[in-house]
Protein backbone atom coordinates (compact mmCIF):
# COMPACT_ATOMS: atom_id res chain seq x y z
CA MET A 1 7.02 -13.98 -18.12
CA ASP A 2 5.96 -17.54 -19.04
CA ILE A 3 2.16 -17.45 -19.18
CA SER A 4 1.86 -21.21 -19.64
CA GLN A 5 3.81 -21.77 -16.44
CA GLN A 6 1.64 -19.26 -14.59
CA VAL A 7 -1.52 -21.02 -15.79
CA ARG A 8 -0.17 -24.45 -14.88
CA GLU A 9 0.98 -23.48 -11.41
CA PHE A 10 -2.12 -21.43 -10.65
CA LEU A 11 -4.54 -24.22 -11.56
CA MET A 12 -2.46 -26.92 -9.88
CA THR A 13 -2.25 -24.98 -6.61
CA ARG A 14 -5.99 -24.20 -6.68
CA ARG A 15 -6.77 -27.86 -7.41
CA ALA A 16 -4.57 -28.97 -4.52
CA GLY A 17 -6.55 -26.75 -2.16
CA VAL A 18 -9.95 -28.39 -2.79
CA THR A 19 -10.86 -31.81 -1.39
CA PRO A 20 -13.47 -34.17 -2.90
CA ALA A 21 -15.63 -33.73 0.20
CA GLN A 22 -15.75 -29.96 -0.35
CA VAL A 23 -17.35 -30.41 -3.77
CA GLY A 24 -19.57 -33.35 -2.90
CA LEU A 25 -17.49 -36.09 -4.51
CA PRO A 26 -16.71 -39.43 -2.89
CA PRO A 27 -13.07 -39.76 -1.79
CA GLY A 28 -12.47 -42.48 -4.39
CA GLY A 29 -10.84 -45.84 -4.02
CA GLY A 30 -7.16 -46.48 -3.50
CA ARG A 31 -4.47 -44.19 -2.24
CA ARG A 32 -4.71 -40.61 -3.50
CA ARG A 33 -1.49 -39.24 -4.96
CA VAL A 34 -2.65 -35.61 -4.85
CA ALA A 35 -3.54 -33.41 -1.90
CA GLY A 36 -6.74 -32.13 -3.45
CA LEU A 37 -8.77 -32.89 -6.55
CA ARG A 38 -7.51 -35.02 -9.41
CA ARG A 39 -7.59 -33.58 -12.92
CA GLU A 40 -10.39 -35.97 -13.92
CA GLU A 41 -12.48 -34.81 -10.94
CA VAL A 42 -12.11 -31.16 -11.96
CA ALA A 43 -13.08 -32.16 -15.52
CA VAL A 44 -16.22 -33.92 -14.30
CA LEU A 45 -17.25 -30.94 -12.19
CA ALA A 46 -16.60 -28.52 -15.07
CA GLY A 47 -18.41 -30.69 -17.62
CA VAL A 48 -15.43 -31.12 -19.95
CA SER A 49 -13.26 -34.07 -20.88
CA THR A 50 -10.23 -34.93 -18.80
CA GLU A 51 -8.02 -34.47 -21.86
CA TYR A 52 -9.39 -31.00 -22.52
CA TYR A 53 -8.96 -29.88 -18.92
CA SER A 54 -5.44 -31.33 -18.87
CA GLN A 55 -4.57 -29.27 -21.95
CA ILE A 56 -5.84 -26.13 -20.23
CA GLU A 57 -3.89 -26.88 -17.06
CA ARG A 58 -0.76 -27.35 -19.14
CA GLY A 59 -1.17 -23.78 -20.33
CA ASP A 60 -3.29 -24.10 -23.48
CA ILE A 61 -5.91 -21.71 -22.16
CA ALA A 62 -6.19 -19.01 -24.83
CA ARG A 63 -8.86 -20.86 -26.83
CA ALA A 64 -11.02 -21.77 -23.81
CA SER A 65 -14.42 -20.12 -23.91
CA GLU A 66 -15.77 -17.94 -21.11
CA GLU A 67 -18.28 -20.69 -20.31
CA VAL A 68 -15.51 -23.25 -19.84
CA LEU A 69 -13.43 -20.86 -17.72
CA ASP A 70 -16.47 -20.10 -15.59
CA ALA A 71 -17.13 -23.82 -15.16
CA ILE A 72 -13.51 -24.46 -14.12
CA ALA A 73 -13.62 -21.53 -11.71
CA SER A 74 -16.76 -22.94 -10.12
CA ALA A 75 -15.29 -26.45 -9.94
CA LEU A 76 -12.22 -25.10 -8.13
CA GLN A 77 -14.34 -22.83 -5.90
CA LEU A 78 -12.40 -19.74 -6.94
CA ASP A 79 -13.33 -16.45 -5.32
CA ASP A 80 -13.99 -13.32 -7.37
CA VAL A 81 -10.34 -12.24 -7.45
CA GLU A 82 -9.11 -15.72 -8.41
CA ARG A 83 -11.79 -15.99 -11.10
CA GLY A 84 -10.74 -12.63 -12.53
CA HIS A 85 -7.12 -13.74 -12.45
CA LEU A 86 -7.98 -16.88 -14.45
CA PHE A 87 -9.62 -14.74 -17.14
CA ASP A 88 -6.64 -12.35 -17.13
CA LEU A 89 -4.33 -15.32 -17.69
CA SER A 90 -6.50 -16.46 -20.59
CA ARG A 91 -6.28 -13.03 -22.22
CA ALA A 92 -2.53 -12.86 -21.61
CA ALA A 93 -2.08 -16.24 -23.27
CA GLY A 94 -3.85 -15.07 -26.43
CA PRO A 95 -2.34 -13.33 -29.45
CA ARG A 96 -0.06 -10.51 -28.47
CA ARG A 97 -1.65 -7.13 -28.93
CA ARG A 98 -0.61 -3.68 -27.94
CA ALA A 99 -1.42 -3.43 -24.27
CA SER A 100 -2.95 -0.29 -22.84
CA VAL A 101 -0.34 1.66 -20.93
CA PRO A 102 -1.08 1.93 -17.21
CA THR A 103 -1.13 5.41 -15.75
CA ASN A 104 1.79 6.22 -13.49
CA THR A 105 1.05 9.90 -12.97
CA VAL A 106 -1.03 11.26 -10.11
CA HIS A 107 -3.51 13.82 -11.44
CA ALA A 108 -3.48 17.20 -9.73
CA ASN A 109 -7.11 16.76 -8.64
CA VAL A 110 -6.26 13.47 -6.92
CA GLN A 111 -3.34 15.11 -5.13
CA GLN A 112 -5.66 17.93 -4.06
CA LEU A 113 -8.14 15.38 -2.73
CA MET A 114 -5.45 13.68 -0.63
CA ASP A 115 -4.16 17.02 0.63
CA ALA A 116 -7.71 17.93 1.70
CA MET A 117 -7.54 15.04 4.20
CA PRO A 118 -4.57 16.20 6.30
CA GLY A 119 -5.54 14.00 9.25
CA LEU A 120 -5.66 10.77 7.26
CA PRO A 121 -2.52 9.26 5.70
CA SER A 122 -3.15 8.63 2.01
CA THR A 123 -1.04 7.14 -0.76
CA ILE A 124 -1.34 6.35 -4.46
CA GLN A 125 0.09 3.06 -5.71
CA ASN A 126 -0.03 0.98 -8.87
CA GLY A 127 -0.19 -2.78 -9.39
CA ARG A 128 3.60 -3.06 -9.03
CA LEU A 129 3.29 -1.45 -5.57
CA ASP A 130 5.18 1.67 -6.62
CA LEU A 131 4.43 4.58 -4.28
CA LEU A 132 3.47 7.20 -6.84
CA GLY A 133 2.20 9.87 -4.45
CA THR A 134 1.12 10.71 -0.91
CA ASN A 135 -0.24 13.51 1.18
CA SER A 136 2.05 14.92 3.87
CA LEU A 137 0.84 12.53 6.57
CA GLY A 138 1.12 9.57 4.22
CA ARG A 139 4.72 10.55 3.52
CA ALA A 140 5.37 10.79 7.26
CA LEU A 141 3.75 7.39 7.86
CA TYR A 142 6.05 5.79 5.28
CA ALA A 143 9.08 7.84 6.32
CA ASP A 144 11.32 4.76 6.51
CA VAL A 145 10.35 3.68 3.00
CA TYR A 146 11.24 7.09 1.58
CA ASP A 147 14.29 7.79 3.73
CA ARG A 148 15.92 4.45 2.94
CA TYR A 149 15.13 4.54 -0.78
CA ARG A 150 18.10 4.98 -3.06
CA GLY A 151 17.60 5.14 -6.77
CA PRO A 152 15.72 6.85 -9.59
CA GLY A 153 11.97 7.00 -9.82
CA VAL A 154 9.81 6.27 -6.80
CA PRO A 155 10.01 3.81 -3.89
CA ASN A 156 8.49 0.37 -4.33
CA LEU A 157 6.79 -1.26 -1.35
CA ALA A 158 7.62 -4.82 -2.44
CA ARG A 159 11.33 -3.99 -2.69
CA PHE A 160 11.21 -2.42 0.76
CA VAL A 161 9.39 -5.38 2.30
CA PHE A 162 11.66 -8.08 0.89
CA LEU A 163 15.01 -6.35 0.44
CA ASP A 164 15.26 -3.97 3.41
CA ASP A 165 15.65 -5.39 6.93
CA ARG A 166 14.01 -2.27 8.35
CA SER A 167 10.69 -3.52 6.97
CA ARG A 168 10.55 -6.21 9.66
CA GLU A 169 10.68 -3.51 12.33
CA MET A 170 8.21 -1.25 10.57
CA PHE A 171 5.71 -4.06 10.01
CA PRO A 172 5.32 -6.17 13.19
CA GLU A 173 3.14 -8.59 11.20
CA TRP A 174 5.74 -8.89 8.46
CA ASN A 175 4.60 -12.33 7.26
CA VAL A 176 1.10 -11.01 6.59
CA VAL A 177 2.38 -7.89 4.81
CA ALA A 178 4.77 -9.97 2.69
CA ALA A 179 2.06 -12.46 1.66
CA ASP A 180 -0.32 -9.62 0.80
CA ALA A 181 2.33 -7.91 -1.34
CA VAL A 182 3.03 -11.07 -3.34
CA ALA A 183 -0.69 -11.80 -3.79
CA THR A 184 -1.12 -8.30 -5.24
CA LEU A 185 1.84 -8.77 -7.58
CA GLN A 186 0.38 -12.09 -8.75
CA VAL A 187 -2.76 -10.27 -9.89
CA GLN A 188 -0.62 -7.81 -11.81
CA SER A 189 1.40 -10.63 -13.38
CA ALA A 190 -1.55 -11.62 -15.57
CA ARG A 191 -2.41 -8.04 -16.50
CA THR A 192 1.02 -6.85 -17.61
CA PRO A 193 3.06 -10.07 -17.92
CA ARG A 194 5.50 -8.64 -20.46
CA ALA A 195 5.93 -5.13 -19.05
CA LYS A 196 9.66 -4.50 -18.68
CA ALA A 197 9.46 -2.78 -15.28
CA PHE A 198 7.31 -5.57 -13.85
CA VAL A 199 9.48 -8.37 -15.20
CA GLU A 200 12.59 -6.66 -13.79
CA LEU A 201 10.93 -6.26 -10.39
CA ILE A 202 9.92 -9.93 -10.14
CA GLY A 203 13.35 -11.01 -11.38
CA GLN A 204 15.13 -8.92 -8.77
CA LEU A 205 12.92 -10.09 -5.91
CA SER A 206 13.17 -13.73 -6.98
CA THR A 207 16.95 -13.52 -7.16
CA LEU A 208 17.53 -11.73 -3.86
CA SER A 209 14.78 -13.00 -1.54
CA VAL A 210 14.18 -16.61 -0.52
CA GLU A 211 10.94 -15.55 1.19
CA PHE A 212 9.67 -13.94 -1.98
CA ARG A 213 10.41 -17.04 -4.06
CA ALA A 214 8.54 -19.26 -1.62
CA LEU A 215 5.47 -16.99 -1.57
CA TRP A 216 5.52 -16.51 -5.35
CA ALA A 217 5.37 -20.27 -5.83
CA THR A 218 2.04 -20.47 -3.98
CA ARG A 219 0.37 -18.49 -6.81
CA ASN A 220 -2.05 -16.94 -4.31
CA VAL A 221 -3.89 -13.88 -5.59
CA SER A 222 -5.78 -11.25 -3.67
CA ALA A 223 -7.10 -7.71 -3.97
CA HIS A 224 -6.70 -5.95 -0.66
CA ARG A 225 -9.41 -3.31 -0.83
CA ARG A 226 -10.13 -3.13 2.89
CA GLY A 227 -8.38 -4.34 6.01
CA SER A 228 -6.12 -3.35 8.88
CA LYS A 229 -2.39 -2.92 9.24
CA ARG A 230 -0.01 -2.60 12.15
CA ILE A 231 2.88 -0.19 11.63
CA HIS A 232 5.67 0.57 14.08
CA HIS A 233 6.64 4.17 13.45
CA ARG A 234 10.09 5.17 14.66
CA GLU A 235 8.80 8.48 16.10
CA VAL A 236 5.31 7.79 17.49
CA GLY A 237 5.38 4.04 18.16
CA GLU A 238 2.92 1.36 17.16
CA LEU A 239 -0.08 2.28 15.01
CA VAL A 240 -3.12 0.12 14.30
CA LEU A 241 -4.81 1.41 11.15
CA GLY A 242 -7.74 0.34 9.06
CA TYR A 243 -7.45 1.08 5.37
CA GLU A 244 -9.64 1.51 2.30
CA ALA A 245 -8.19 1.06 -1.19
CA LEU A 246 -10.19 2.76 -3.93
CA GLU A 247 -9.67 2.35 -7.68
CA LEU A 248 -9.23 5.73 -9.37
CA PRO A 249 -11.64 6.26 -12.29
CA GLY A 250 -9.77 7.36 -15.39
CA ALA A 251 -6.41 6.29 -13.97
CA GLN A 252 -5.89 2.71 -15.07
CA GLY A 253 -4.32 0.50 -12.44
CA LEU A 254 -4.00 3.15 -9.72
CA GLN A 255 -5.40 2.89 -6.21
CA MET A 256 -5.74 5.50 -3.50
CA VAL A 257 -5.11 3.87 -0.13
CA THR A 258 -6.37 5.84 2.86
CA PHE A 259 -5.54 4.80 6.42
CA LEU A 260 -8.19 5.23 9.10
CA PRO A 261 -7.47 5.21 12.85
CA GLU A 262 -10.14 4.20 15.35
CA PRO A 263 -11.59 7.48 16.72
CA GLY A 264 -10.31 8.22 20.19
CA SER A 265 -7.69 5.48 20.04
CA PRO A 266 -3.98 5.79 20.90
CA THR A 267 -3.31 5.51 17.17
CA ALA A 268 -5.53 8.54 16.48
CA ASP A 269 -3.63 10.52 19.12
CA ALA A 270 -0.29 9.41 17.66
CA LEU A 271 -1.33 10.47 14.16
CA ARG A 272 -2.29 13.91 15.45
CA VAL A 273 1.17 14.25 16.97
CA LEU A 274 2.81 13.07 13.75
CA GLY A 275 0.68 15.44 11.72
CA SER A 276 1.62 18.35 13.98
CA TRP A 277 5.32 17.58 13.63
CA THR A 278 4.95 17.28 9.87
CA ALA A 279 3.14 20.60 9.58
CA THR A 280 5.76 22.31 11.77
CA ALA A 281 8.60 20.92 9.67
CA ALA A 282 6.90 22.14 6.49
CA ARG A 283 6.51 25.65 7.94
CA VAL A 284 10.17 25.74 8.94
CA VAL A 285 11.19 24.90 5.37
CA GLU A 286 8.88 27.56 3.98
CA ASP A 287 10.23 30.18 6.40
CA VAL A 288 13.87 29.64 5.40
CA PRO A 289 14.98 32.73 3.42
CA LEU A 290 15.41 32.17 -0.29
CA SER A 291 19.10 33.03 0.00
CA ARG A 292 19.59 29.93 2.15
CA HIS A 293 18.53 27.79 -0.82
CA LEU A 294 20.75 29.49 -3.38
CA PRO A 295 24.38 28.56 -4.07
CA SER A 296 27.04 30.97 -2.89
CA ASP A 297 28.87 33.18 -5.38
CA ASP A 298 32.17 32.31 -3.66
């Protein structure tokens, strides 16, 4: 992926989102040709020359010091995730070095932890939004994602959201889910910009989805560690779930996402029903005689 283009578009879109009044600058004389701050205004706020800031915005960011990046982040009023993304872009723009390989395997202890929470749907995902693992209730919650997946490897939530029409039924607030997915992928784009699987994913989504292309162009970044999500489940109806996303120590780039229903709510009741059905189905499979699983000698 073109790091210079990412830097340019990220800084330009952040600059467009800040007005002079927000940073205590006078509006300036004459007609403004930009929606937000001018380059020279960002330079003044960051304490650098306009020429130097312009070079950085054009993509020449690798040689910028941490102090300069911090100053630019403050001038543009970046939040913690956006600030981290700016530093990730700076590192990605530097000399190529062997990148650490993200973990894509769910450790047995993590699987055991998820399985020990049978009443709470839990999943493991990476920065590409691959679904690497679930507990039984998490699998049941994302039944449509798994049932409609065709291909090697594991399902990918971004592909499901943008390339499968069923996603608009499963997620009543599809626009929010889609924007959140792209903002997560933007964060990953600076961490593994040259990873083959990631580049192929972004290329496929950009080619096949107009909505994805429009959201990708905003360059918004976000880390969704806590929030709520509405899911329409084909068996138990609409669910309103809070969620907590926890980084897994020792498993680079992996998050465990656990969904939490409001105690005593219709969603909690629906999850109990779904969990009961899931447990019953698992027992039926276990009770099938071994001979039923073996090929016939005929």
